[in-house]
């Protein structure tokens, strides 16, 4: 079957950039929330998992989420950032099922972030990135 808009395929190199930007914004919001309003909530989750003190783990998680967001938005070590984002998204998806009261976001958001992360892991950074395509 023919593609209805073949001229748009010229810009396919920008698709990973758009995914990177979207995932970076979402992870920045995750990190901001974890470090501010959600600090106690995430701390309680870590306490429920047996990791004490939970607020220290929440601080580390929020910082990691913001670092991942910066890496994704800038296109620095995109595949490494995508791999970590994928692991965090899968963990959050699983933990939302087990400890749903401690996690504010819905499971479908974690599923989408996992799929986007996996896509970036497989496709690379795309346009407007410090990562050079091989």
Protein backbone atom coordinates (compact mmCIF):
# COMPACT_ATOMS: atom_id res chain seq x y z
CA UNK A 1 0.00 0.00 0.00
CA UNK A 2 1.24 3.44 -0.86
CA UNK A 3 2.02 5.94 1.83
CA UNK A 4 -0.56 8.77 1.73
CA UNK A 5 2.05 11.44 2.58
CA UNK A 6 5.39 10.25 1.16
CA UNK A 7 6.93 13.73 1.33
CA UNK A 8 6.66 13.72 5.11
CA UNK A 9 9.02 10.73 5.31
CA UNK A 10 11.80 13.18 4.52
CA UNK A 11 11.46 14.42 8.10
CA UNK A 12 11.54 11.00 9.76
CA UNK A 13 14.91 11.82 11.33
CA UNK A 14 13.04 14.30 13.58
CA UNK A 15 10.66 11.68 15.03
CA UNK A 16 13.09 10.49 17.75
CA UNK A 17 13.71 14.14 18.65
CA UNK A 18 10.00 14.65 19.28
CA UNK A 19 9.84 11.48 21.39
CA UNK A 20 12.96 12.56 23.29
CA UNK A 21 11.48 15.96 23.99
CA UNK A 22 8.14 14.54 25.16
CA UNK A 23 9.74 11.92 27.41
CA UNK A 24 12.17 14.49 28.80
CA UNK A 25 9.34 16.83 29.75
CA UNK A 26 7.42 13.99 31.42
CA UNK A 27 10.47 12.85 33.39
CA UNK A 28 11.23 16.42 34.43
CA UNK A 29 7.70 16.65 35.77
CA UNK A 30 8.13 13.29 37.54
CA UNK A 31 11.34 14.55 39.17
CA UNK A 32 9.89 17.91 40.14
CA UNK A 33 6.90 16.22 41.70
CA UNK A 34 9.07 13.66 43.52
CA UNK A 35 11.26 16.41 44.99
CA UNK A 36 8.39 18.66 46.07
CA UNK A 37 4.77 17.61 46.65
CA UNK A 38 5.34 13.88 46.26
CA UNK A 39 8.38 13.59 48.52
CA UNK A 40 6.41 12.26 51.50
CA UNK A 41 4.32 9.99 49.28
CA UNK A 42 7.39 8.49 47.59
CA UNK A 43 9.12 8.27 50.96
CA UNK A 44 6.21 6.20 52.24
CA UNK A 45 6.50 3.93 49.19
CA UNK A 46 10.18 3.31 49.87
CA UNK A 47 9.40 2.68 53.54
CA UNK A 48 6.75 0.15 52.50
CA UNK A 49 9.41 -1.55 50.36
CA UNK A 50 11.73 -1.74 53.38
CA UNK A 51 14.10 1.02 52.24
CA UNK A 52 14.75 3.39 55.13
CA UNK A 53 14.83 6.35 55.38
CA UNK A 54 12.37 6.65 52.56
CA UNK A 55 12.77 10.39 52.05
CA UNK A 56 16.45 9.94 51.19
CA UNK A 57 15.53 7.42 48.49
CA UNK A 58 12.83 9.80 47.24
CA UNK A 59 15.46 12.56 46.97
CA UNK A 60 17.73 10.28 44.94
CA UNK A 61 14.87 9.18 42.69
CA UNK A 62 13.75 12.75 42.01
CA UNK A 63 17.30 13.81 41.21
CA UNK A 64 17.75 10.83 38.87
CA UNK A 65 14.49 11.65 37.08
CA UNK A 66 15.61 15.25 36.49
CA UNK A 67 19.05 14.16 35.28
CA UNK A 68 17.40 11.72 32.85
CA UNK A 69 15.11 14.52 31.64
CA UNK A 70 18.06 16.82 30.96
CA UNK A 71 19.94 14.06 29.14
CA UNK A 72 16.90 13.28 26.97
CA UNK A 73 16.07 16.88 26.13
CA UNK A 74 19.69 17.71 25.26
CA UNK A 75 20.30 14.43 23.47
CA UNK A 76 23.30 13.48 25.61
CA UNK A 77 23.84 9.72 26.04
CA UNK A 78 20.28 9.23 24.86
CA UNK A 79 20.35 5.44 24.78
CA UNK A 80 21.68 5.23 28.34
CA UNK A 81 19.03 7.70 29.53
CA UNK A 82 16.36 5.76 27.63
CA UNK A 83 17.49 2.48 29.19
CA UNK A 84 17.27 3.92 32.71
CA UNK A 85 13.93 5.56 31.90
CA UNK A 86 12.66 2.23 30.58
CA UNK A 87 13.70 0.44 33.79
CA UNK A 88 12.13 3.14 35.99
CA UNK A 89 8.92 3.08 33.94
CA UNK A 90 8.61 -0.69 34.21
CA UNK A 91 9.31 -0.56 37.94
CA UNK A 92 6.71 2.18 38.41
CA UNK A 93 4.18 0.21 36.34
CA UNK A 94 4.74 -2.86 38.52
CA UNK A 95 4.73 -0.92 41.81
CA UNK A 96 1.55 0.92 40.87
CA UNK A 97 -0.15 -2.48 40.77
CA UNK A 98 1.26 -3.53 44.16
CA UNK A 99 1.36 -0.22 46.08
CA UNK A 100 -1.09 1.93 44.15
CA UNK A 101 -1.90 4.22 47.05
CA UNK A 102 1.70 5.50 47.15
CA UNK A 103 1.92 6.40 43.46
CA UNK A 104 -0.14 9.28 42.14
CA UNK A 105 0.07 8.68 38.37
CA UNK A 106 -1.97 6.07 36.52
CA UNK A 107 -0.47 2.88 35.10
CA UNK A 108 -1.07 3.79 31.46
CA UNK A 109 1.32 6.74 31.80
CA UNK A 110 4.10 4.40 32.92
CA UNK A 111 3.28 2.05 30.04
CA UNK A 112 3.59 4.91 27.54
CA UNK A 113 6.86 6.15 29.02
CA UNK A 114 8.23 2.58 28.85
CA UNK A 115 7.26 2.25 25.18
CA UNK A 116 8.73 5.64 24.26
CA UNK A 117 11.91 4.80 26.18
CA UNK A 118 12.24 1.49 24.38
CA UNK A 119 11.69 3.21 21.04
CA UNK A 120 14.48 5.70 21.81
CA UNK A 121 16.75 2.91 22.98
CA UNK A 122 16.31 1.16 19.62
CA UNK A 123 16.29 4.22 17.34
CA UNK A 124 18.82 6.55 18.94
CA UNK A 125 18.66 10.28 19.53
CA UNK A 126 17.61 11.50 16.11
CA UNK A 127 18.00 15.15 15.12
CA UNK A 128 19.08 18.05 17.32
CA UNK A 129 21.23 15.98 19.69
CA UNK A 130 24.78 15.81 20.95
CA UNK A 131 24.77 12.07 20.27
CA UNK A 132 26.15 11.43 16.82
CA UNK A 133 24.44 8.73 14.77
CA UNK A 134 26.73 5.89 13.75
